[in-house]
Protein backbone atom coordinates (compact mmCIF):
# COMPACT_ATOMS: atom_id res chain seq x y z
CA MET A 1 108.37 96.12 126.03
CA ALA A 2 107.07 95.60 129.57
CA ALA A 3 103.76 97.30 128.74
CA LEU A 4 103.20 95.21 125.61
CA LEU A 5 104.10 91.95 127.33
CA ALA A 6 101.79 92.72 130.26
CA TRP A 7 98.95 93.56 127.87
CA THR A 8 99.53 90.33 125.92
CA PHE A 9 99.71 87.99 128.91
CA ALA A 10 96.95 89.55 131.00
CA GLY A 11 94.67 90.41 128.07
CA ALA A 12 94.28 86.76 127.15
CA TRP A 13 92.17 86.06 130.25
CA ALA A 14 90.96 89.53 131.32
CA ALA A 15 87.17 89.74 131.39
CA ASP A 16 86.94 92.76 129.10
CA GLY A 17 90.21 92.20 127.27
CA ARG A 18 91.64 95.43 128.68
CA PRO A 19 94.17 94.68 131.42
CA TYR A 20 95.06 98.28 132.25
CA LEU A 21 96.02 97.43 135.82
CA ALA A 22 98.58 94.86 134.64
CA VAL A 23 100.13 97.38 132.24
CA ALA A 24 100.30 100.10 134.91
CA THR A 25 101.91 97.73 137.40
CA ALA A 26 104.48 96.51 134.85
CA LEU A 27 105.46 100.11 134.05
CA LEU A 28 105.95 100.89 137.73
CA MET A 29 108.15 97.82 138.26
CA VAL A 30 110.33 98.29 135.18
CA ASN A 31 110.82 101.97 135.99
CA ALA A 32 112.61 101.12 139.26
CA TYR A 33 116.28 102.14 139.10
CA THR A 34 117.57 98.73 140.30
CA VAL A 35 116.45 95.12 140.08
CA TYR A 36 116.31 94.92 143.87
CA ARG A 37 114.11 98.02 144.02
CA SER A 38 111.73 96.62 141.39
CA VAL A 39 111.24 93.47 143.51
CA ALA A 40 110.71 95.54 146.67
CA ASN A 41 108.23 97.79 144.85
CA ALA A 42 106.40 94.76 143.48
CA LEU A 43 105.97 93.26 146.95
CA GLN A 44 104.77 96.59 148.32
CA SER A 45 102.35 97.05 145.42
CA VAL A 46 100.88 93.56 145.71
CA VAL A 47 100.47 93.82 149.48
CA GLY A 48 98.85 97.26 149.16
CA LYS A 49 96.43 96.15 146.48
CA VAL A 50 95.49 92.97 148.33
CA ALA A 51 94.79 95.01 151.45
CA GLY A 52 92.73 97.51 149.47
CA LEU A 53 90.70 94.84 147.67
CA VAL A 54 89.99 92.92 150.87
CA LEU A 55 88.89 96.17 152.53
CA ALA A 56 86.64 96.94 149.56
CA LEU A 57 85.10 93.44 149.66
CA MET A 58 84.33 93.70 153.37
CA THR A 59 82.89 97.20 153.00
CA VAL A 60 80.70 96.42 149.99
CA GLN A 61 79.28 93.39 151.77
CA LEU A 62 78.28 95.54 154.74
CA LEU A 63 77.30 98.87 153.18
CA GLY A 64 77.17 98.36 149.43
CA ALA A 65 78.73 100.73 146.88
CA THR A 66 77.67 103.89 148.69
CA ALA A 67 79.19 107.14 149.93
CA GLY A 68 79.19 105.64 153.41
CA ALA A 69 81.41 102.81 152.18
CA ILE A 70 83.90 105.32 150.79
CA ALA A 71 83.94 107.17 154.12
CA VAL A 72 84.58 103.93 156.01
CA ILE A 73 87.42 102.99 153.62
CA VAL A 74 89.14 106.35 154.08
CA LEU A 75 88.70 106.26 157.86
CA VAL A 76 90.02 102.71 158.20
CA THR A 77 92.97 103.46 155.93
CA VAL A 78 93.98 106.53 157.93
CA LEU A 79 93.63 104.83 161.31
CA VAL A 80 94.92 101.34 160.54
CA GLY A 81 96.96 101.76 157.33
CA PRO A 82 100.76 101.58 157.11
CA SER A 83 102.35 104.39 159.08
CA ARG A 84 105.77 104.49 157.39
CA THR A 85 104.74 106.34 154.24
CA ALA A 86 101.71 108.20 152.98
CA ASP A 87 102.08 106.41 149.62
CA GLY A 88 101.20 103.07 151.21
CA ARG A 89 97.99 104.43 152.69
CA LEU A 90 97.08 106.13 149.42
CA GLN A 91 97.58 102.90 147.49
CA VAL A 92 95.37 100.91 149.84
CA ALA A 93 92.63 103.56 149.85
CA SER A 94 92.64 104.16 146.08
CA THR A 95 92.58 100.43 145.32
CA ALA A 96 89.66 99.92 147.72
CA VAL A 97 87.65 102.82 146.26
CA VAL A 98 88.23 101.71 142.66
CA GLY A 99 87.33 98.14 143.63
CA LEU A 100 83.95 99.15 145.05
CA ALA A 101 82.29 99.46 141.65
CA ALA A 102 83.56 96.09 140.39
CA MET A 103 82.59 94.30 143.58
CA ALA A 104 79.07 95.70 143.70
CA GLY A 105 77.97 93.28 140.99
CA ASP A 106 80.51 90.46 141.34
CA PRO A 107 82.33 90.55 144.71
CA MET A 108 84.69 87.62 144.14
CA GLY A 109 85.41 88.51 140.52
CA GLY A 110 86.15 92.08 141.58
CA LEU A 111 88.69 90.72 144.05
CA VAL A 112 90.41 88.06 141.96
CA THR A 113 90.73 89.85 138.60
CA PRO A 114 92.57 92.97 139.81
CA LEU A 115 94.82 90.82 141.99
CA LEU A 116 95.78 88.57 139.08
CA GLN A 117 96.42 91.59 136.88
CA THR A 118 98.66 93.10 139.55
CA LEU A 119 100.64 89.88 139.92
CA THR A 120 101.01 89.54 136.15
CA GLY A 121 102.20 93.10 135.73
CA ALA A 122 104.62 92.76 138.64
CA VAL A 123 106.16 89.56 137.25
CA VAL A 124 106.51 91.03 133.75
CA GLY A 125 108.02 94.27 135.05
CA ILE A 126 110.56 92.50 137.26
CA ALA A 127 111.53 90.08 134.47
CA VAL A 128 112.11 92.85 131.94
CA ASN A 129 114.03 94.97 134.45
CA ALA A 130 116.25 92.02 135.39
CA LEU A 131 116.87 90.52 131.97
CA VAL A 132 116.93 93.45 129.53
CA LEU A 133 120.06 95.47 130.35
CA PRO A 134 119.38 95.79 134.09
CA PRO A 135 120.62 99.19 135.29
CA LEU A 136 123.95 99.60 137.03
CA HIS A 137 125.09 102.79 138.74
CA LEU A 138 128.81 102.18 139.17
CA ASP A 139 129.96 105.12 137.05
CA GLU A 140 127.90 107.58 139.10
CA SER A 141 129.29 106.13 142.33
CA ASP A 142 132.88 106.25 141.10
CA SER A 143 132.48 109.83 139.91
CA ALA A 144 130.93 111.01 143.19
CA VAL A 145 133.69 109.42 145.30
CA ARG A 146 136.37 110.84 143.03
CA ASP A 147 134.87 114.33 143.29
CA LEU A 148 134.78 114.00 147.07
CA ALA A 149 138.42 112.91 147.23
CA HIS A 150 139.56 115.69 144.90
CA ALA A 151 137.64 118.31 146.90
CA MET A 152 139.27 117.10 150.14
CA GLY A 153 142.70 116.82 148.59
CA LYS A 154 142.50 120.31 147.13
CA LEU A 155 141.40 121.79 150.44
CA LEU A 156 144.26 120.09 152.30
CA GLY A 157 146.72 121.28 149.66
CA ASP A 158 145.37 124.83 149.78
CA MET A 159 145.60 124.92 153.57
CA GLY A 160 149.19 123.70 153.37
CA ALA A 161 150.10 126.29 150.74
CA GLY A 162 148.39 129.03 152.74
CA LEU A 163 150.21 128.15 155.96
CA SER A 164 153.57 128.07 154.20
CA GLN A 165 152.84 131.57 152.85
CA GLU A 166 151.84 132.85 156.31
CA GLN A 167 148.21 133.40 155.28
CA LEU A 168 146.58 131.79 158.33
CA GLY A 169 144.77 134.94 159.46
CA LEU A 170 143.66 135.81 155.95
CA LYS A 171 142.45 132.40 154.74
CA ALA A 172 141.40 130.50 157.90
CA HIS A 173 137.69 131.39 157.69
CA VAL A 174 137.65 130.48 153.98
CA TRP A 175 139.15 127.06 154.73
CA LEU A 176 136.58 126.46 157.47
CA HIS A 177 133.73 127.34 155.11
CA ARG A 178 135.07 124.97 152.45
CA ALA A 179 135.51 122.21 155.04
CA ARG A 180 131.87 122.59 156.05
CA GLU A 181 130.83 122.52 152.39
CA LEU A 182 132.35 119.04 152.14
CA GLU A 183 129.18 117.76 153.81
CA LYS A 184 127.31 118.28 150.53
CA HIS A 185 129.87 116.16 148.68
CA LEU A 186 129.62 113.52 151.39
CA MET A 187 125.83 113.29 151.21
CA HIS A 188 125.88 113.03 147.41
CA ALA A 189 128.64 110.40 147.41
CA GLU A 190 126.89 108.38 150.11
CA GLU A 191 123.66 108.26 148.10
CA GLN A 192 125.51 107.26 144.92
CA VAL A 193 127.49 104.52 146.69
CA ARG A 194 124.30 103.14 148.28
CA GLN A 195 122.57 103.14 144.90
CA ALA A 196 125.54 101.44 143.21
CA ASP A 197 125.67 98.71 145.85
CA GLU A 198 121.92 98.16 145.49
CA SER A 199 122.19 97.97 141.70
CA LEU A 200 124.47 94.93 142.07
CA ARG A 201 121.99 92.97 144.18
CA TRP A 202 120.17 90.23 142.25
CA ASN A 203 121.56 91.66 139.02
CA PRO A 204 122.54 89.21 136.26
CA ARG A 205 125.18 91.68 135.15
CA CYS A 206 127.16 91.26 138.35
CA VAL A 207 130.20 90.46 136.23
CA ALA A 208 130.57 94.25 136.38
CA ARG A 209 131.75 93.70 139.95
CA GLU A 210 135.18 93.20 138.41
CA ARG A 211 135.21 96.92 137.75
CA ARG A 212 135.06 97.44 141.51
CA SER A 213 137.76 94.94 142.44
CA ASP A 214 140.48 97.53 141.89
CA VAL A 215 138.94 100.11 144.25
CA THR A 216 136.02 99.13 146.43
CA TYR A 217 134.27 102.48 146.47
CA GLY A 218 132.05 101.58 149.40
CA GLU A 219 135.09 100.99 151.60
CA LEU A 220 136.93 103.97 150.13
CA PHE A 221 133.95 106.21 150.87
CA SER A 222 133.96 105.05 154.49
CA ALA A 223 137.63 106.00 154.76
CA LEU A 224 137.01 109.38 153.14
CA ARG A 225 134.15 110.06 155.53
CA GLY A 226 136.58 109.61 158.42
CA VAL A 227 139.12 111.83 156.66
CA SER A 228 136.50 114.55 156.22
CA LEU A 229 135.94 114.69 159.98
CA GLN A 230 139.64 115.30 160.53
CA VAL A 231 139.78 117.90 157.76
CA ARG A 232 136.94 119.81 159.38
CA GLY A 233 138.66 119.51 162.75
CA ILE A 234 141.92 120.90 161.36
CA ALA A 235 140.14 123.78 159.62
CA ARG A 236 138.17 124.61 162.78
CA THR A 237 141.29 124.56 164.98
CA LEU A 238 143.22 126.77 162.55
CA ALA A 239 140.31 129.21 162.36
CA ASP A 240 140.01 129.39 166.15
CA SER A 241 143.75 129.92 166.46
CA ALA A 242 143.76 132.64 163.81
CA HIS A 243 141.13 134.63 165.71
CA ASP A 244 142.68 134.10 169.16
CA ARG A 245 144.11 137.48 170.17
CA ARG A 246 146.24 136.14 173.03
CA ALA A 247 149.87 136.35 172.01
CA ASP A 248 150.99 133.26 173.92
CA HIS A 249 148.27 131.16 172.21
CA ARG A 250 149.48 131.83 168.69
CA LEU A 251 151.05 128.98 166.79
CA GLY A 252 154.75 129.32 166.04
CA GLN A 253 155.71 129.74 162.40
CA GLN A 254 158.20 126.88 162.72
CA PHE A 255 155.32 124.55 163.53
CA LEU A 256 153.08 126.03 160.82
CA ASP A 257 155.78 125.62 158.18
CA ARG A 258 156.21 121.97 159.05
CA TYR A 259 152.45 121.45 159.40
CA ALA A 260 152.01 122.92 155.92
CA GLU A 261 154.18 120.11 154.58
CA ILE A 262 152.01 117.41 156.14
CA LEU A 263 148.82 118.97 154.82
CA GLN A 264 150.21 119.10 151.30
CA LEU A 265 151.41 115.51 151.54
CA ALA A 266 148.03 114.44 152.90
CA GLY A 267 146.25 116.27 150.08
CA ALA A 268 148.35 114.44 147.51
CA ALA A 269 147.66 111.14 149.28
CA VAL A 270 143.89 111.72 149.27
CA ARG A 271 143.89 112.51 145.57
CA GLY A 272 146.11 109.48 144.97
CA LEU A 273 143.45 107.19 146.42
CA VAL A 274 141.21 107.71 143.40
CA GLU A 275 143.76 108.08 140.65
CA PRO A 276 143.51 105.31 138.04
CA HIS A 277 146.08 102.54 138.17
CA VAL A 278 148.59 102.87 135.36
CA ALA A 279 151.88 101.17 134.83
CA ALA A 280 154.79 103.23 136.09
CA GLY A 281 157.46 104.14 133.59
CA PRO A 282 161.19 103.74 134.25
CA SER A 283 161.51 107.31 135.57
CA LEU A 284 157.96 108.14 136.72
CA ALA A 285 156.19 106.41 139.59
CA GLY A 286 152.53 105.51 139.12
CA PRO A 287 149.71 106.82 141.31
CA ARG A 288 149.91 103.82 143.62
CA GLU A 289 153.60 104.41 144.32
CA ARG A 290 153.11 108.17 144.73
CA LEU A 291 150.33 107.51 147.24
CA ARG A 292 152.57 105.15 149.21
CA ARG A 293 155.42 107.65 149.21
CA ALA A 294 153.14 110.50 150.30
CA ILE A 295 151.79 108.50 153.24
CA GLU A 296 155.28 107.36 154.26
CA GLY A 297 156.56 110.93 154.07
CA ALA A 298 153.65 112.20 156.14
CA LEU A 299 154.19 109.52 158.79
CA ALA A 300 157.90 110.39 158.99
CA TRP A 301 157.02 114.08 159.40
CA HIS A 302 154.56 113.19 162.13
CA GLU A 303 157.27 111.39 164.10
CA THR A 304 159.58 114.39 163.73
CA MET A 305 156.98 116.85 164.99
CA THR A 306 156.03 114.60 167.89
CA ASP A 307 159.68 114.50 168.90
CA LEU A 308 159.99 118.32 168.69
CA ILE A 309 156.96 118.76 170.92
CA HIS A 310 158.23 116.15 173.36
CA ARG A 311 161.59 117.93 173.67
CA GLY A 312 159.89 121.33 174.11
CA ALA A 313 161.46 122.76 170.97
CA LEU A 314 158.24 124.64 170.12
CA VAL A 315 158.19 127.48 172.62
CA LYS A 316 154.55 128.57 172.70
CA PRO A 317 153.35 127.28 176.08
CA GLY A 318 149.86 128.76 175.78
CA ALA A 319 149.26 126.96 172.51
CA TRP A 320 149.98 123.41 173.68
CA HIS A 321 146.31 122.45 173.44
CA VAL A 322 146.23 123.73 169.86
CA TYR A 323 149.34 121.75 168.96
CA GLY A 324 147.76 118.67 170.50
CA SER A 325 144.48 119.10 168.63
CA LEU A 326 146.20 119.59 165.27
CA MET A 327 148.53 116.65 165.81
CA THR A 328 145.69 114.37 166.91
CA ASP A 329 143.60 115.26 163.86
CA VAL A 330 146.46 114.70 161.45
CA GLU A 331 147.38 111.42 163.15
CA ARG A 332 143.85 110.11 162.68
CA LEU A 333 143.80 111.41 159.11
CA LEU A 334 147.02 109.56 158.32
CA SER A 335 145.66 106.40 159.93
CA ASP A 336 142.58 106.49 157.67
CA LEU A 337 144.72 107.21 154.61
CA ASP A 338 147.15 104.42 155.45
CA TYR A 339 144.31 101.92 155.84
CA ALA A 340 142.60 102.99 152.61
CA GLY A 341 145.90 103.01 150.72
CA THR A 342 146.76 99.53 151.95
CA ARG A 343 143.37 98.17 150.90
CA ARG A 344 143.72 99.83 147.52
CA THR A 345 147.18 98.37 146.97
CA ARG A 346 146.01 94.87 147.92
CA GLY A 347 143.00 95.15 145.63
CA HIS A 348 145.19 96.17 142.73
CA ARG A 349 147.64 93.34 143.42
CA ASP A 350 144.82 90.78 143.66
CA THR A 351 143.35 91.99 140.37
CA THR A 352 146.72 91.79 138.65
CA SER A 353 147.23 88.24 139.97
CA GLY A 354 143.81 87.20 138.76
CA VAL A 355 144.45 88.56 135.28
CA SER A 356 147.83 86.86 135.13
CA ALA A 357 146.28 83.54 136.18
CA MET A 358 143.75 83.79 133.39
């Protein structure tokens, strides 16, 4: 559709009736994965082509359409062209070289016609991209954040189960490897969230924002990124402790049993952040309520363990720094979970109120 419209509009006044540049520009603009990106690409394309055509006009006036003119264009583009990307330099240079032939016979016509075709193609491409089912990337973002939360929640649950079964020495290095692998999930989720946020900018279909009112995945991703740091810290501390051969530095099983409980509760809470909101039955709490209960249970456990350490009930004096590291990491993890859970609960309540008002 964009190609045909560009051909129709630009072909009516093109000198030879063949506005290939307008069609090519329209295809580039409509192929952008968001409306915002199509506008940004259009501005970059127009600026690059203007720069290339002006460079070609100046060169052809001085040297004519010769090999020397091509050499000057390439040299000027390399030395003075945009330094951020090689694509910008290539666009300026290619436009200038192609414009040499047209400007040899008609300098001003060779400048104005390609510029008008570029503008026409850019306008058509942006219009089609914005008005004909403009792309949204909310599903990809939601899926990536959910996968990240489930991966973290499963790792926390597995660490808790392993500690309760006295498998610290056997599984610690595996947990650390999985914690480090979370970085791949983080990078993928971050890219998908950024793309989803960009797809909502200047998009007529922004009514789809209602789908994000329940869980704001940008904010949830930020919370999960903080949680991932604590998960890696816990896994690293457990791995270091498992390989520490000093007897007085080993963690007591009483502590590990209780710590296993907090990790399993935290894992359930992380998974609960991305569970869909459903109405709770008379005997079964919904995901929102289970998340709240998990966080409250974890916070109560944290207070109990802090009191045990304060009273000196855990008799492993050489491991005090390990206790402190593990407790600090879990405290920060619970803080992030509590904040994210509170925001999620408020978002759900606001959505429910809005629907009721309608």
